[in-house]
Protein backbone atom coordinates (compact mmCIF):
# COMPACT_ATOMS: atom_id res chain seq x y z
CA MET A 1 -27.24 23.94 2.33
CA GLU A 2 -27.24 20.47 0.80
CA ILE A 3 -24.39 18.00 1.14
CA THR A 4 -23.82 14.83 -0.85
CA PHE A 5 -21.45 12.10 0.25
CA LEU A 6 -19.77 11.30 -3.05
CA GLY A 7 -17.77 8.52 -1.40
CA THR A 8 -17.41 7.17 2.13
CA GLY A 9 -14.61 4.58 1.96
CA THR A 10 -10.98 4.41 3.02
CA SER A 11 -7.99 4.40 0.68
CA HIS A 12 -8.73 0.79 -0.38
CA GLY A 13 -12.40 1.39 -1.04
CA VAL A 14 -14.94 -1.35 -0.29
CA PRO A 15 -14.90 -4.04 -1.56
CA ILE A 16 -11.15 -4.37 -1.34
CA ILE A 17 -9.38 -6.12 -4.21
CA THR A 18 -9.01 -9.85 -3.38
CA CYS A 19 -10.99 -9.63 -0.09
CA THR A 20 -13.80 -12.12 0.55
CA CYS A 21 -14.90 -10.87 3.99
CA PRO A 22 -18.65 -10.50 4.73
CA VAL A 23 -18.60 -6.74 4.11
CA CYS A 24 -16.66 -6.92 0.85
CA THR A 25 -19.01 -9.61 -0.45
CA SER A 26 -22.18 -8.00 0.93
CA ASP A 27 -25.10 -7.32 -1.42
CA ASN A 28 -26.11 -4.28 0.68
CA PRO A 29 -25.26 -1.22 -1.47
CA LYS A 30 -24.49 0.75 1.70
CA ASN A 31 -21.47 -1.50 2.19
CA ARG A 32 -20.03 -0.51 -1.21
CA ARG A 33 -17.81 2.49 -0.56
CA THR A 34 -15.81 4.52 -3.05
CA ARG A 35 -13.05 6.78 -1.74
CA SER A 36 -14.22 9.65 0.49
CA SER A 37 -15.25 13.05 -0.84
CA LEU A 38 -18.05 15.54 -0.18
CA TRP A 39 -20.09 17.89 -2.40
CA VAL A 40 -21.47 20.99 -0.70
CA GLN A 41 -24.11 23.22 -2.29
CA ALA A 42 -24.58 26.42 -0.30
CA GLU A 43 -26.32 29.60 -1.43
CA GLY A 44 -25.98 28.55 -5.06
CA VAL A 45 -22.25 27.85 -4.72
CA SER A 46 -20.88 24.38 -5.59
CA ILE A 47 -17.90 23.29 -3.49
CA LEU A 48 -16.05 19.96 -3.45
CA ILE A 49 -14.05 18.72 -0.51
CA ASP A 50 -11.36 16.54 -2.12
CA THR A 51 -11.48 14.82 -5.51
CA ALA A 52 -11.36 11.13 -4.71
CA THR A 53 -10.04 8.40 -6.99
CA GLU A 54 -13.50 7.65 -8.41
CA PHE A 55 -14.49 11.31 -8.75
CA ARG A 56 -15.63 11.02 -12.39
CA LEU A 57 -18.12 8.27 -11.57
CA GLN A 58 -19.18 9.98 -8.34
CA ALA A 59 -19.84 13.28 -10.13
CA ILE A 60 -21.89 11.62 -12.87
CA GLU A 61 -24.04 9.78 -10.34
CA ALA A 62 -24.54 12.88 -8.18
CA GLY A 63 -25.32 15.09 -11.18
CA ILE A 64 -22.59 17.68 -10.62
CA THR A 65 -22.71 20.25 -13.44
CA HIS A 66 -20.38 22.95 -12.15
CA VAL A 67 -17.70 23.42 -9.51
CA ASP A 68 -16.87 26.80 -8.02
CA ALA A 69 -13.97 25.60 -5.84
CA VAL A 70 -12.27 22.56 -4.34
CA LEU A 71 -11.13 22.35 -0.73
CA TYR A 72 -8.33 19.83 -0.22
CA THR A 73 -7.77 18.19 3.14
CA HIS A 74 -4.36 16.75 2.17
CA CYS A 75 -2.49 15.25 -0.77
CA HIS A 76 -2.95 11.50 -0.29
CA ALA A 77 -3.90 9.45 -3.33
CA ASP A 78 -7.43 8.57 -2.25
CA HIS A 79 -8.25 12.26 -1.73
CA VAL A 80 -6.70 13.79 -4.86
CA PHE A 81 -6.43 11.25 -7.69
CA GLY A 82 -9.66 12.41 -9.32
CA PHE A 83 -8.02 15.82 -9.82
CA ASP A 84 -7.64 15.53 -13.60
CA ASP A 85 -11.41 15.20 -14.04
CA LEU A 86 -11.82 18.80 -12.92
CA ARG A 87 -10.79 19.76 -16.45
CA VAL A 88 -14.32 19.44 -17.81
CA PHE A 89 -15.54 22.21 -15.51
CA SER A 90 -12.85 24.66 -16.60
CA GLN A 91 -13.51 23.71 -20.23
CA ILE A 92 -17.19 24.59 -19.84
CA THR A 93 -16.65 27.92 -18.08
CA GLN A 94 -13.29 28.88 -19.62
CA GLU A 95 -12.31 29.90 -16.08
CA HIS A 96 -9.79 28.53 -13.63
CA VAL A 97 -11.15 26.45 -10.75
CA PRO A 98 -9.71 27.67 -7.43
CA ILE A 99 -8.24 24.90 -5.29
CA TYR A 100 -7.51 25.51 -1.61
CA GLY A 101 -5.29 23.80 0.95
CA ASN A 102 -2.56 24.38 3.48
CA GLU A 103 0.97 25.06 2.25
CA PRO A 104 2.23 21.43 2.38
CA THR A 105 -0.86 20.17 0.53
CA ILE A 106 -0.67 22.73 -2.27
CA ALA A 107 3.10 22.26 -2.66
CA GLU A 108 2.71 18.49 -2.92
CA MET A 109 -0.17 18.75 -5.40
CA ARG A 110 1.91 21.01 -7.64
CA GLU A 111 4.58 18.30 -7.56
CA VAL A 112 2.31 15.26 -8.02
CA PHE A 113 0.35 16.94 -10.83
CA SER A 114 3.28 18.89 -12.26
CA TYR A 115 1.99 18.48 -15.85
CA VAL A 116 -0.90 20.80 -14.97
CA PHE A 117 1.37 23.65 -13.93
CA ARG A 118 3.89 23.66 -16.77
CA LYS A 119 3.47 24.67 -20.40
CA THR A 120 2.72 21.64 -22.58
CA GLN A 121 1.52 21.03 -26.10
CA LYS A 122 -2.08 21.69 -26.98
CA GLY A 123 -4.48 18.79 -27.21
CA GLY A 124 -5.94 16.39 -24.69
CA GLY A 125 -6.66 19.11 -22.19
CA LYS A 126 -5.76 19.44 -18.55
CA PRO A 127 -7.37 21.09 -15.55
CA GLN A 128 -7.20 24.87 -15.46
CA VAL A 129 -6.84 25.61 -11.77
CA GLU A 130 -5.60 28.34 -9.49
CA THR A 131 -3.87 27.22 -6.30
CA ARG A 132 -4.59 29.15 -3.11
CA VAL A 133 -2.74 28.52 0.16
CA ILE A 134 -4.89 29.21 3.20
CA ASP A 135 -4.19 29.68 6.89
CA GLY A 136 -7.42 31.27 8.07
CA PRO A 137 -11.07 31.90 7.11
CA PHE A 138 -11.88 32.90 3.53
CA GLN A 139 -14.87 33.25 1.24
CA ILE A 140 -15.97 31.53 -1.96
CA LYS A 141 -18.50 33.73 -3.76
CA GLY A 142 -19.85 34.96 -0.44
CA VAL A 143 -19.79 31.58 1.35
CA ARG A 144 -17.53 31.68 4.40
CA VAL A 145 -15.16 28.73 4.85
CA GLU A 146 -13.18 28.11 8.02
CA PRO A 147 -10.17 25.75 7.76
CA ILE A 148 -9.82 23.47 10.80
CA PRO A 149 -6.23 22.37 11.56
CA ILE A 150 -6.10 18.69 12.51
CA PHE A 151 -3.52 15.91 12.67
CA HIS A 152 -3.39 12.81 10.47
CA GLY A 153 -0.88 10.98 12.66
CA LYS A 154 1.94 13.56 12.70
CA LEU A 155 0.87 15.16 9.41
CA PRO A 156 -0.82 18.58 9.75
CA ILE A 157 -3.87 18.59 7.47
CA LEU A 158 -7.17 20.45 7.29
CA GLY A 159 -10.80 19.87 7.97
CA TYR A 160 -13.35 22.52 6.99
CA ARG A 161 -16.33 24.29 8.49
CA ILE A 162 -19.01 25.90 6.30
CA GLY A 163 -21.81 27.40 8.36
CA GLY A 164 -23.21 24.70 10.60
CA LEU A 165 -21.34 21.90 8.77
CA ALA A 166 -17.90 20.58 9.66
CA TYR A 167 -16.02 17.95 7.65
CA ILE A 168 -13.20 16.24 9.56
CA THR A 169 -11.66 13.16 7.99
CA ASP A 170 -8.31 11.32 8.20
CA CYS A 171 -7.99 12.74 11.71
CA SER A 172 -6.25 11.12 14.66
CA SER A 173 -6.24 14.19 16.96
CA LEU A 174 -7.30 17.83 17.12
CA PRO A 175 -5.51 20.71 18.84
CA PRO A 176 -7.54 22.64 21.45
CA LYS A 177 -7.91 25.67 19.15
CA SER A 178 -9.63 23.46 16.57
CA LEU A 179 -12.06 22.05 19.12
CA ALA A 180 -13.10 25.63 19.83
CA LEU A 181 -13.94 26.07 16.12
CA LEU A 182 -16.29 23.08 16.18
CA GLN A 183 -18.86 24.29 18.66
CA ASP A 184 -22.59 24.65 17.89
CA LEU A 185 -22.56 22.42 14.81
CA ASP A 186 -25.68 21.31 12.98
CA VAL A 187 -23.83 18.48 11.20
CA LEU A 188 -20.44 16.97 11.98
CA VAL A 189 -18.92 14.63 9.39
CA LEU A 190 -16.15 12.60 10.99
CA GLY A 191 -13.80 9.94 9.64
CA VAL A 192 -13.94 6.58 11.46
CA VAL A 193 -12.08 3.60 10.04
CA ARG A 194 -12.66 0.70 12.44
CA ARG A 195 -13.27 -0.38 16.05
CA GLU A 196 -9.61 -0.97 16.91
CA PRO A 197 -7.20 1.95 17.54
CA HIS A 198 -5.34 3.22 14.49
CA PRO A 199 -2.13 5.31 14.37
CA THR A 200 -3.43 7.93 11.90
CA HIS A 201 -7.23 7.75 12.01
CA MET A 202 -9.96 7.81 14.62
CA HIS A 203 -11.45 4.53 15.72
CA LEU A 204 -15.07 4.11 16.76
CA ASP A 205 -14.83 4.72 20.51
CA GLN A 206 -12.50 7.70 20.00
CA ALA A 207 -14.96 9.24 17.56
CA LEU A 208 -17.91 8.66 19.88
CA ALA A 209 -16.02 10.40 22.69
CA LEU A 210 -15.35 13.41 20.44
CA VAL A 211 -19.02 13.59 19.46
CA GLU A 212 -19.98 13.52 23.14
CA GLN A 213 -17.57 16.39 23.75
CA LEU A 214 -18.73 18.55 20.80
CA ARG A 215 -22.44 17.64 20.91
CA PRO A 216 -23.41 18.49 17.32
CA LYS A 217 -27.07 18.15 16.40
CA GLN A 218 -26.27 15.32 13.98
CA THR A 219 -23.13 13.31 13.19
CA TYR A 220 -22.25 11.18 10.18
CA PHE A 221 -19.24 8.87 10.13
CA THR A 222 -17.33 8.53 6.86
CA HIS A 223 -13.99 7.16 5.56
CA ILE A 224 -15.19 3.72 6.66
CA SER A 225 -13.24 0.51 6.14
CA HIS A 226 -14.51 -2.99 5.41
CA LEU A 227 -14.20 -3.73 9.13
CA LEU A 228 -17.49 -1.91 9.83
CA GLU A 229 -20.69 -3.45 8.45
CA HIS A 230 -23.30 -0.79 7.81
CA GLU A 231 -26.42 -2.32 9.38
CA GLU A 232 -24.64 -3.92 12.35
CA VAL A 233 -22.84 -0.74 13.36
CA SER A 234 -25.84 1.50 12.65
CA ARG A 235 -28.02 -0.45 15.08
CA ALA A 236 -25.52 0.10 17.90
CA LEU A 237 -24.89 3.83 17.40
CA PRO A 238 -26.43 6.38 19.78
CA ALA A 239 -29.25 8.62 18.64
CA GLY A 240 -28.07 11.44 16.41
CA ILE A 241 -25.13 9.46 15.00
CA SER A 242 -25.22 7.57 11.69
CA LEU A 243 -22.91 5.86 9.25
CA ALA A 244 -22.87 7.74 5.97
CA TYR A 245 -23.01 5.89 2.65
CA ASP A 246 -22.21 6.78 -0.94
CA GLN A 247 -24.59 9.32 -2.53
CA LEU A 248 -26.39 10.07 0.75
CA ARG A 249 -27.85 13.60 0.57
CA ILE A 250 -28.50 15.74 3.61
CA ASN A 251 -30.20 19.12 3.82
CA ILE A 252 -29.07 21.53 6.53
CA ALA A 253 -31.59 24.24 7.32
CA ARG A 254 -30.33 27.76 7.93
CA ASP A 255 -31.04 29.27 11.34
């Protein structure tokens, strides 16, 4: 399995419009963060987790040539507003791209992107997708995917586990049943926005405590705000924990 961090920033991205802080004005490319999304390639299957606002640019840079499915964590702008750029993949294959999410996420996406799901005039094109509501494990062309229920503040959203990889972002807490689904991980990807507590996201100490509890082989923090400078934070992190950055590629060996 190979994973590519298409983006690693929060809803503002980094740099933030109008901000002149040291991170937003940094010349370190690892401090430049587009909105968070992940590309998973497993057993020849190409899976996206979310389509972030800059998805078109992310996909071009990463070299994505086909998409077999998209897993949506939730329907917030920074996670879905690249949705329309899925249309090129359905145009190439002449097949619908399956998109997965929990019931509230799929219902909201059908509302936000209503033009996709109603009959309109020809011309211009729009994504050809098939919505699939999930509440348990499923397969995409033989690749098993396990949805992980988590909370984004009070909002019930999903993380995902694929083999030894788990992707958990925009999470403030996890129910006990979800912790049980995150044992024996090779790679945990976890959203961390800042050092200070946050009402709907994990902060640094909270995330470190969860990593200590789960003990994955390797952890990458994503969904990072301009309040965390890459090199400074990286130097202070324990062994086995790293800040992700845009276009970082990781290979996960099969047992």
